[in-house]
Amino acid sequence: MWLLRMLAKLLLPFLFKKMVSKAQEKFKTSYNQQTFGGQQQYRSEPRNNGKISIDFIPPKDKEARAADKAGDFIDFEEVK
């Protein structure tokens, strides 16, 4: 029993570290395949820090435009 306890103290930390590192590698590979489609994609143009570029502005629907013209709304509490 004593020998089994000593072996467990020596081997279990090593086995857990190995198991965790395998899980990390598996997660990294699955994440890279999902985000990049299995390939690394790099932009051909360098990005300028501090500048904003907008590629697409979705059109506003009629309800959103009507809410913009409705005026100011004031929050209040009802006092009894």
PDB file of N, CA and C in Angstrom:
ATOM      1  N   MET A   1       0.822  -1.184   0.000  1.00  0.00           N
ATOM      2  CA  MET A   1       0.000   0.000   0.000  1.00  0.00           C
ATOM      3  C   MET A   1       0.873   1.258   0.000  1.00  0.00           C
ATOM      4  N   TRP A   2       1.940   1.201   0.823  1.00  0.00           N
ATOM      5  CA  TRP A   2       2.852   2.335   0.892  1.00  0.00           C
ATOM      6  C   TRP A   2       3.534   2.575  -0.458  1.00  0.00           C
ATOM      7  N   LEU A   3       3.927   1.496  -1.136  1.00  0.00           N
ATOM      8  CA  LEU A   3       4.582   1.585  -2.435  1.00  0.00           C
ATOM      9  C   LEU A   3       3.627   2.164  -3.484  1.00  0.00           C
ATOM     10  N   LEU A   4       2.405   1.748  -3.450  1.00  0.00           N
ATOM     11  CA  LEU A   4       1.396   2.274  -4.385  1.00  0.00           C
ATOM     12  C   LEU A   4       1.175   3.764  -4.165  1.00  0.00           C
ATOM     13  N   ARG A   5       1.144   4.193  -2.919  1.00  0.00           N
ATOM     14  CA  ARG A   5       0.968   5.607  -2.599  1.00  0.00           C
ATOM     15  C   ARG A   5       2.159   6.434  -3.098  1.00  0.00           C
ATOM     16  N   MET A   6       3.353   5.944  -2.945  1.00  0.00           N
ATOM     17  CA  MET A   6       4.549   6.660  -3.409  1.00  0.00           C
ATOM     18  C   MET A   6       4.585   6.754  -4.936  1.00  0.00           C
ATOM     19  N   LEU A   7       4.230   5.656  -5.597  1.00  0.00           N
ATOM     20  CA  LEU A   7       4.189   5.682  -7.064  1.00  0.00           C
ATOM     21  C   LEU A   7       3.129   6.662  -7.567  1.00  0.00           C
ATOM     22  N   ALA A   8       2.002   6.722  -6.904  1.00  0.00           N
ATOM     23  CA  ALA A   8       0.945   7.646  -7.295  1.00  0.00           C
ATOM     24  C   ALA A   8       1.413   9.087  -7.144  1.00  0.00           C
ATOM     25  N   LYS A   9       2.125   9.392  -6.053  1.00  0.00           N
ATOM     26  CA  LYS A   9       2.637  10.743  -5.844  1.00  0.00           C
ATOM     27  C   LYS A   9       3.640  11.140  -6.921  1.00  0.00           C
ATOM     28  N   LEU A  10       4.382  10.192  -7.433  1.00  0.00           N
ATOM     29  CA  LEU A  10       5.386  10.491  -8.449  1.00  0.00           C
ATOM     30  C   LEU A  10       4.787  10.536  -9.860  1.00  0.00           C
ATOM     31  N   LEU A  11       3.896   9.615 -10.172  1.00  0.00           N
ATOM     32  CA  LEU A  11       3.413   9.480 -11.539  1.00  0.00           C
ATOM     33  C   LEU A  11       2.194  10.333 -11.875  1.00  0.00           C
ATOM     34  N   LEU A  12       1.292  10.532 -10.928  1.00  0.00           N
ATOM     35  CA  LEU A  12       0.064  11.264 -11.238  1.00  0.00           C
ATOM     36  C   LEU A  12       0.303  12.712 -11.706  1.00  0.00           C
ATOM     37  N   PRO A  13       1.178  13.494 -11.061  1.00  0.00           N
ATOM     38  CA  PRO A  13       1.413  14.853 -11.586  1.00  0.00           C
ATOM     39  C   PRO A  13       1.945  14.840 -13.024  1.00  0.00           C
ATOM     40  N   PHE A  14       2.821  13.912 -13.323  1.00  0.00           N
ATOM     41  CA  PHE A  14       3.358  13.809 -14.675  1.00  0.00           C
ATOM     42  C   PHE A  14       2.254  13.458 -15.674  1.00  0.00           C
ATOM     43  N   LEU A  15       1.390  12.509 -15.306  1.00  0.00           N
ATOM     44  CA  LEU A  15       0.299  12.109 -16.204  1.00  0.00           C
ATOM     45  C   LEU A  15      -0.702  13.240 -16.410  1.00  0.00           C
ATOM     46  N   PHE A  16      -1.008  13.977 -15.347  1.00  0.00           N
ATOM     47  CA  PHE A  16      -1.942  15.096 -15.480  1.00  0.00           C
ATOM     48  C   PHE A  16      -1.375  16.193 -16.370  1.00  0.00           C
ATOM     49  N   LYS A  17      -0.094  16.511 -16.217  1.00  0.00           N
ATOM     50  CA  LYS A  17       0.526  17.535 -17.060  1.00  0.00           C
ATOM     51  C   LYS A  17       0.489  17.128 -18.526  1.00  0.00           C
ATOM     52  N   LYS A  18       0.778  15.873 -18.774  1.00  0.00           N
ATOM     53  CA  LYS A  18       0.764  15.373 -20.148  1.00  0.00           C
ATOM     54  C   LYS A  18      -0.649  15.424 -20.728  1.00  0.00           C
ATOM     55  N   MET A  19      -1.642  15.055 -19.925  1.00  0.00           N
ATOM     56  CA  MET A  19      -3.025  15.061 -20.379  1.00  0.00           C
ATOM     57  C   MET A  19      -3.501  16.494 -20.668  1.00  0.00           C
ATOM     58  N   VAL A  20      -3.125  17.438 -19.829  1.00  0.00           N
ATOM     59  CA  VAL A  20      -3.515  18.834 -20.027  1.00  0.00           C
ATOM     60  C   VAL A  20      -2.848  19.404 -21.276  1.00  0.00           C
ATOM     61  N   SER A  21      -1.588  19.091 -21.492  1.00  0.00           N
ATOM     62  CA  SER A  21      -0.902  19.621 -22.684  1.00  0.00           C
ATOM     63  C   SER A  21      -1.503  19.042 -23.959  1.00  0.00           C
ATOM     64  N   LYS A  22      -1.908  17.772 -23.948  1.00  0.00           N
ATOM     65  CA  LYS A  22      -2.568  17.192 -25.121  1.00  0.00           C
ATOM     66  C   LYS A  22      -3.904  17.871 -25.387  1.00  0.00           C
ATOM     67  N   ALA A  23      -4.658  18.161 -24.330  1.00  0.00           N
ATOM     68  CA  ALA A  23      -5.946  18.831 -24.491  1.00  0.00           C
ATOM     69  C   ALA A  23      -5.753  20.244 -25.039  1.00  0.00           C
ATOM     70  N   GLN A  24      -4.697  20.934 -24.590  1.00  0.00           N
ATOM     71  CA  GLN A  24      -4.414  22.275 -25.094  1.00  0.00           C
ATOM     72  C   GLN A  24      -4.072  22.240 -26.582  1.00  0.00           C
ATOM     73  N   GLU A  25      -3.243  21.309 -26.979  1.00  0.00           N
ATOM     74  CA  GLU A  25      -2.880  21.190 -28.394  1.00  0.00           C
ATOM     75  C   GLU A  25      -4.096  20.869 -29.249  1.00  0.00           C
ATOM     76  N   LYS A  26      -4.947  19.996 -28.761  1.00  0.00           N
ATOM     77  CA  LYS A  26      -6.157  19.633 -29.499  1.00  0.00           C
ATOM     78  C   LYS A  26      -7.071  20.851 -29.656  1.00  0.00           C
ATOM     79  N   PHE A  27      -7.202  21.636 -28.589  1.00  0.00           N
ATOM     80  CA  PHE A  27      -8.018  22.839 -28.648  1.00  0.00           C
ATOM     81  C   PHE A  27      -7.436  23.846 -29.632  1.00  0.00           C
ATOM     82  N   LYS A  28      -6.118  24.037 -29.606  1.00  0.00           N
ATOM     83  CA  LYS A  28      -5.477  24.989 -30.518  1.00  0.00           C
ATOM     84  C   LYS A  28      -5.692  24.602 -31.973  1.00  0.00           C
ATOM     85  N   THR A  29      -5.529  23.319 -32.293  1.00  0.00           N
ATOM     86  CA  THR A  29      -5.690  22.890 -33.681  1.00  0.00           C
ATOM     87  C   THR A  29      -7.144  23.017 -34.126  1.00  0.00           C
ATOM     88  N   SER A  30      -8.093  22.665 -33.258  1.00  0.00           N
ATOM     89  CA  SER A  30      -9.503  22.784 -33.656  1.00  0.00           C
ATOM     90  C   SER A  30      -9.896  24.245 -33.783  1.00  0.00           C
ATOM     91  N   TYR A  31      -9.372  25.117 -32.927  1.00  0.00           N
ATOM     92  CA  TYR A  31      -9.675  26.548 -33.011  1.00  0.00           C
ATOM     93  C   TYR A  31      -9.103  27.143 -34.294  1.00  0.00           C
ATOM     94  N   ASN A  32      -7.874  26.794 -34.624  1.00  0.00           N
ATOM     95  CA  ASN A  32      -7.264  27.311 -35.850  1.00  0.00           C
ATOM     96  C   ASN A  32      -8.001  26.821 -37.087  1.00  0.00           C
ATOM     97  N   GLN A  33      -8.473  25.599 -37.083  1.00  0.00           N
ATOM     98  CA  GLN A  33      -9.208  25.088 -38.233  1.00  0.00           C
ATOM     99  C   GLN A  33     -10.545  25.789 -38.380  1.00  0.00           C
ATOM    100  N   GLN A  34     -11.192  26.115 -37.282  1.00  0.00           N
ATOM    101  CA  GLN A  34     -12.485  26.785 -37.346  1.00  0.00           C
ATOM    102  C   GLN A  34     -12.342  28.232 -37.786  1.00  0.00           C
ATOM    103  N   THR A  35     -11.356  28.943 -37.259  1.00  0.00           N
ATOM    104  CA  THR A  35     -11.242  30.368 -37.547  1.00  0.00           C
ATOM    105  C   THR A  35     -10.571  30.637 -38.886  1.00  0.00           C
ATOM    106  N   PHE A  36      -9.599  29.861 -39.249  1.00  0.00           N
ATOM    107  CA  PHE A  36      -8.855  30.134 -40.476  1.00  0.00           C
ATOM    108  C   PHE A  36      -9.129  29.135 -41.584  1.00  0.00           C
ATOM    109  N   GLY A  37     -10.003  28.182 -41.364  1.00  0.00           N
ATOM    110  CA  GLY A  37     -10.292  27.180 -42.383  1.00  0.00           C
ATOM    111  C   GLY A  37      -9.097  26.291 -42.666  1.00  0.00           C
ATOM    112  N   GLY A  38      -8.237  26.115 -41.689  1.00  0.00           N
ATOM    113  CA  GLY A  38      -7.068  25.267 -41.870  1.00  0.00           C
ATOM    114  C   GLY A  38      -5.891  25.986 -42.497  1.00  0.00           C
ATOM    115  N   GLN A  39      -6.077  27.246 -42.887  1.00  0.00           N
ATOM    116  CA  GLN A  39      -4.998  27.998 -43.515  1.00  0.00           C
ATOM    117  C   GLN A  39      -4.820  29.310 -42.769  1.00  0.00           C
ATOM    118  N   GLN A  40      -3.598  29.783 -42.738  1.00  0.00           N
ATOM    119  CA  GLN A  40      -3.339  31.088 -42.154  1.00  0.00           C
ATOM    120  C   GLN A  40      -3.688  32.157 -43.177  1.00  0.00           C
ATOM    121  N   GLN A  41      -4.502  33.100 -42.773  1.00  0.00           N
ATOM    122  CA  GLN A  41      -4.890  34.181 -43.671  1.00  0.00           C
ATOM    123  C   GLN A  41      -4.310  35.483 -43.136  1.00  0.00           C
ATOM    124  N   TYR A  42      -3.576  36.154 -43.971  1.00  0.00           N
ATOM    125  CA  TYR A  42      -2.984  37.421 -43.585  1.00  0.00           C
ATOM    126  C   TYR A  42      -3.478  38.494 -44.535  1.00  0.00           C
ATOM    127  N   ARG A  43      -3.616  39.695 -44.037  1.00  0.00           N
ATOM    128  CA  ARG A  43      -4.011  40.815 -44.882  1.00  0.00           C
ATOM    129  C   ARG A  43      -2.820  41.237 -45.747  1.00  0.00           C
ATOM    130  N   SER A  44      -3.105  41.550 -46.977  1.00  0.00           N
ATOM    131  CA  SER A  44      -2.036  42.004 -47.852  1.00  0.00           C
ATOM    132  C   SER A  44      -1.687  43.460 -47.573  1.00  0.00           C
ATOM    133  N   GLU A  45      -2.657  44.222 -47.021  1.00  0.00           N
ATOM    134  CA  GLU A  45      -2.415  45.622 -46.711  1.00  0.00           C
ATOM    135  C   GLU A  45      -2.091  45.757 -45.224  1.00  0.00           C
ATOM    136  N   PRO A  46      -1.094  46.529 -44.888  1.00  0.00           N
ATOM    137  CA  PRO A  46      -0.850  46.746 -43.467  1.00  0.00           C
ATOM    138  C   PRO A  46      -1.930  47.658 -42.882  1.00  0.00           C
ATOM    139  N   ARG A  47      -2.348  47.379 -41.666  1.00  0.00           N
ATOM    140  CA  ARG A  47      -3.386  48.192 -41.018  1.00  0.00           C
ATOM    141  C   ARG A  47      -2.722  49.373 -40.341  1.00  0.00           C
ATOM    142  N   ASN A  48      -3.325  50.531 -40.480  1.00  0.00           N
ATOM    143  CA  ASN A  48      -2.826  51.718 -39.809  1.00  0.00           C
ATOM    144  C   ASN A  48      -3.497  51.831 -38.449  1.00  0.00           C
ATOM    145  N   ASN A  49      -2.693  51.937 -37.415  1.00  0.00           N
ATOM    146  CA  ASN A  49      -3.238  52.059 -36.074  1.00  0.00           C
ATOM    147  C   ASN A  49      -3.865  53.431 -35.894  1.00  0.00           C
ATOM    148  N   GLY A  50      -5.027  53.475 -35.267  1.00  0.00           N
ATOM    149  CA  GLY A  50      -5.686  54.735 -34.985  1.00  0.00           C
ATOM    150  C   GLY A  50      -6.640  55.176 -36.063  1.00  0.00           C
ATOM    151  N   LYS A  51      -6.702  54.506 -37.192  1.00  0.00           N
ATOM    152  CA  LYS A  51      -7.618  54.884 -38.263  1.00  0.00           C
ATOM    153  C   LYS A  51      -8.740  53.861 -38.335  1.00  0.00           C
ATOM    154  N   ILE A  52      -9.926  54.348 -38.619  1.00  0.00           N
ATOM    155  CA  ILE A  52     -11.095  53.491 -38.700  1.00  0.00           C
ATOM    156  C   ILE A  52     -11.542  53.392 -40.146  1.00  0.00           C
ATOM    157  N   SER A  53     -11.793  52.166 -40.587  1.00  0.00           N
ATOM    158  CA  SER A  53     -12.343  51.987 -41.919  1.00  0.00           C
ATOM    159  C   SER A  53     -13.631  51.188 -41.803  1.00  0.00           C
ATOM    160  N   ILE A  54     -14.694  51.679 -42.427  1.00  0.00           N
ATOM    161  CA  ILE A  54     -15.992  51.020 -42.381  1.00  0.00           C
ATOM    162  C   ILE A  54     -16.256  50.436 -43.752  1.00  0.00           C
ATOM    163  N   ASP A  55     -16.424  49.104 -43.803  1.00  0.00           N
ATOM    164  CA  ASP A  55     -16.637  48.427 -45.071  1.00  0.00           C
ATOM    165  C   ASP A  55     -18.108  48.430 -45.483  1.00  0.00           C
ATOM    166  N   PHE A  56     -19.016  48.320 -44.507  1.00  0.00           N
ATOM    167  CA  PHE A  56     -20.422  48.189 -44.831  1.00  0.00           C
ATOM    168  C   PHE A  56     -21.258  48.861 -43.746  1.00  0.00           C
ATOM    169  N   ILE A  57     -22.231  49.669 -44.163  1.00  0.00           N
ATOM    170  CA  ILE A  57     -23.176  50.281 -43.244  1.00  0.00           C
ATOM    171  C   ILE A  57     -24.550  49.729 -43.602  1.00  0.00           C
ATOM    172  N   PRO A  58     -25.174  48.971 -42.695  1.00  0.00           N
ATOM    173  CA  PRO A  58     -26.477  48.395 -43.021  1.00  0.00           C
ATOM    174  C   PRO A  58     -27.544  49.488 -43.102  1.00  0.00           C
ATOM    175  N   PRO A  59     -28.490  49.333 -44.004  1.00  0.00           N
ATOM    176  CA  PRO A  59     -29.551  50.343 -44.115  1.00  0.00           C
ATOM    177  C   PRO A  59     -30.475  50.279 -42.903  1.00  0.00           C
ATOM    178  N   LYS A  60     -30.983  51.451 -42.501  1.00  0.00           N
ATOM    179  CA  LYS A  60     -31.903  51.503 -41.377  1.00  0.00           C
ATOM    180  C   LYS A  60     -33.297  51.131 -41.856  1.00  0.00           C
ATOM    181  N   ASP A  61     -34.006  50.365 -41.047  1.00  0.00           N
ATOM    182  CA  ASP A  61     -35.374  50.051 -41.403  1.00  0.00           C
ATOM    183  C   ASP A  61     -36.285  51.195 -40.954  1.00  0.00           C
ATOM    184  N   LYS A  62     -37.546  51.177 -41.374  1.00  0.00           N
ATOM    185  CA  LYS A  62     -38.476  52.290 -41.155  1.00  0.00           C
ATOM    186  C   LYS A  62     -38.711  52.552 -39.671  1.00  0.00           C
ATOM    187  N   GLU A  63     -38.772  51.502 -38.859  1.00  0.00           N
ATOM    188  CA  GLU A  63     -39.026  51.686 -37.433  1.00  0.00           C
ATOM    189  C   GLU A  63     -37.879  52.423 -36.756  1.00  0.00           C
ATOM    190  N   ALA A  64     -36.663  52.129 -37.143  1.00  0.00           N
ATOM    191  CA  ALA A  64     -35.509  52.792 -36.542  1.00  0.00           C
ATOM    192  C   ALA A  64     -35.482  54.259 -36.928  1.00  0.00           C
ATOM    193  N   ARG A  65     -35.833  54.583 -38.178  1.00  0.00           N
ATOM    194  CA  ARG A  65     -35.868  55.982 -38.593  1.00  0.00           C
ATOM    195  C   ARG A  65     -36.977  56.737 -37.873  1.00  0.00           C
ATOM    196  N   ALA A  66     -38.124  56.085 -37.644  1.00  0.00           N
ATOM    197  CA  ALA A  66     -39.225  56.730 -36.938  1.00  0.00           C
ATOM    198  C   ALA A  66     -38.843  57.003 -35.484  1.00  0.00           C
ATOM    199  N   ALA A  67     -38.105  56.113 -34.867  1.00  0.00           N
ATOM    200  CA  ALA A  67     -37.682  56.310 -33.483  1.00  0.00           C
ATOM    201  C   ALA A  67     -36.688  57.465 -33.376  1.00  0.00           C
ATOM    202  N   ASP A  68     -35.872  57.679 -34.407  1.00  0.00           N
ATOM    203  CA  ASP A  68     -34.925  58.796 -34.385  1.00  0.00           C
ATOM    204  C   ASP A  68     -35.652  60.133 -34.411  1.00  0.00           C
ATOM    205  N   LYS A  69     -36.782  60.220 -35.080  1.00  0.00           N
ATOM    206  CA  LYS A  69     -37.531  61.470 -35.219  1.00  0.00           C
ATOM    207  C   LYS A  69     -38.560  61.668 -34.109  1.00  0.00           C
ATOM    208  N   ALA A  70     -38.745  60.705 -33.227  1.00  0.00           N
ATOM    209  CA  ALA A  70     -39.808  60.765 -32.225  1.00  0.00           C
ATOM    210  C   ALA A  70     -39.537  61.798 -31.144  1.00  0.00           C
ATOM    211  N   GLY A  71     -38.315  62.184 -30.907  1.00  0.00           N
ATOM    212  CA  GLY A  71     -38.018  63.188 -29.894  1.00  0.00           C
ATOM    213  C   GLY A  71     -37.301  62.588 -28.704  1.00  0.00           C
ATOM    214  N   ASP A  72     -37.208  63.385 -27.639  1.00  0.00           N
ATOM    215  CA  ASP A  72     -36.511  62.959 -26.437  1.00  0.00           C
ATOM    216  C   ASP A  72     -37.452  62.164 -25.541  1.00  0.00           C
ATOM    217  N   PHE A  73     -36.925  61.156 -24.917  1.00  0.00           N
ATOM    218  CA  PHE A  73     -37.676  60.359 -23.968  1.00  0.00           C
ATOM    219  C   PHE A  73     -37.092  60.599 -22.584  1.00  0.00           C
ATOM    220  N   ILE A  74     -37.961  60.790 -21.617  1.00  0.00           N
ATOM    221  CA  ILE A  74     -37.526  61.074 -20.254  1.00  0.00           C
ATOM    222  C   ILE A  74     -37.984  59.933 -19.359  1.00  0.00           C
ATOM    223  N   ASP A  75     -37.045  59.355 -18.642  1.00  0.00           N
ATOM    224  CA  ASP A  75     -37.381  58.310 -17.688  1.00  0.00           C
ATOM    225  C   ASP A  75     -37.930  58.962 -16.424  1.00  0.00           C
ATOM    226  N   PHE A  76     -38.970  58.405 -15.859  1.00  0.00           N
ATOM    227  CA  PHE A  76     -39.528  58.943 -14.637  1.00  0.00           C
ATOM    228  C   PHE A  76     -39.998  57.824 -13.751  1.00  0.00           C
ATOM    229  N   GLU A  77     -40.142  58.130 -12.488  1.00  0.00           N
ATOM    230  CA  GLU A  77     -40.702  57.205 -11.523  1.00  0.00           C
ATOM    231  C   GLU A  77     -42.051  57.712 -11.087  1.00  0.00           C
ATOM    232  N   GLU A  78     -43.002  56.823 -10.941  1.00  0.00           N
ATOM    233  CA  GLU A  78     -44.328  57.211 -10.509  1.00  0.00           C
ATOM    234  C   GLU A  78     -44.357  57.258  -8.993  1.00  0.00           C
ATOM    235  N   VAL A  79     -44.739  58.406  -8.452  1.00  0.00           N
ATOM    236  CA  VAL A  79     -44.787  58.589  -7.000  1.00  0.00           C
ATOM    237  C   VAL A  79     -46.242  58.546  -6.572  1.00  0.00           C
ATOM    238  N   LYS A  80     -46.555  57.716  -5.583  1.00  0.00           N
ATOM    239  CA  LYS A  80     -47.956  57.590  -5.128  1.00  0.00           C
ATOM    240  C   LYS A  80     -48.130  58.279  -3.800  1.00  0.00           C
TER     241      LYS A  80
END
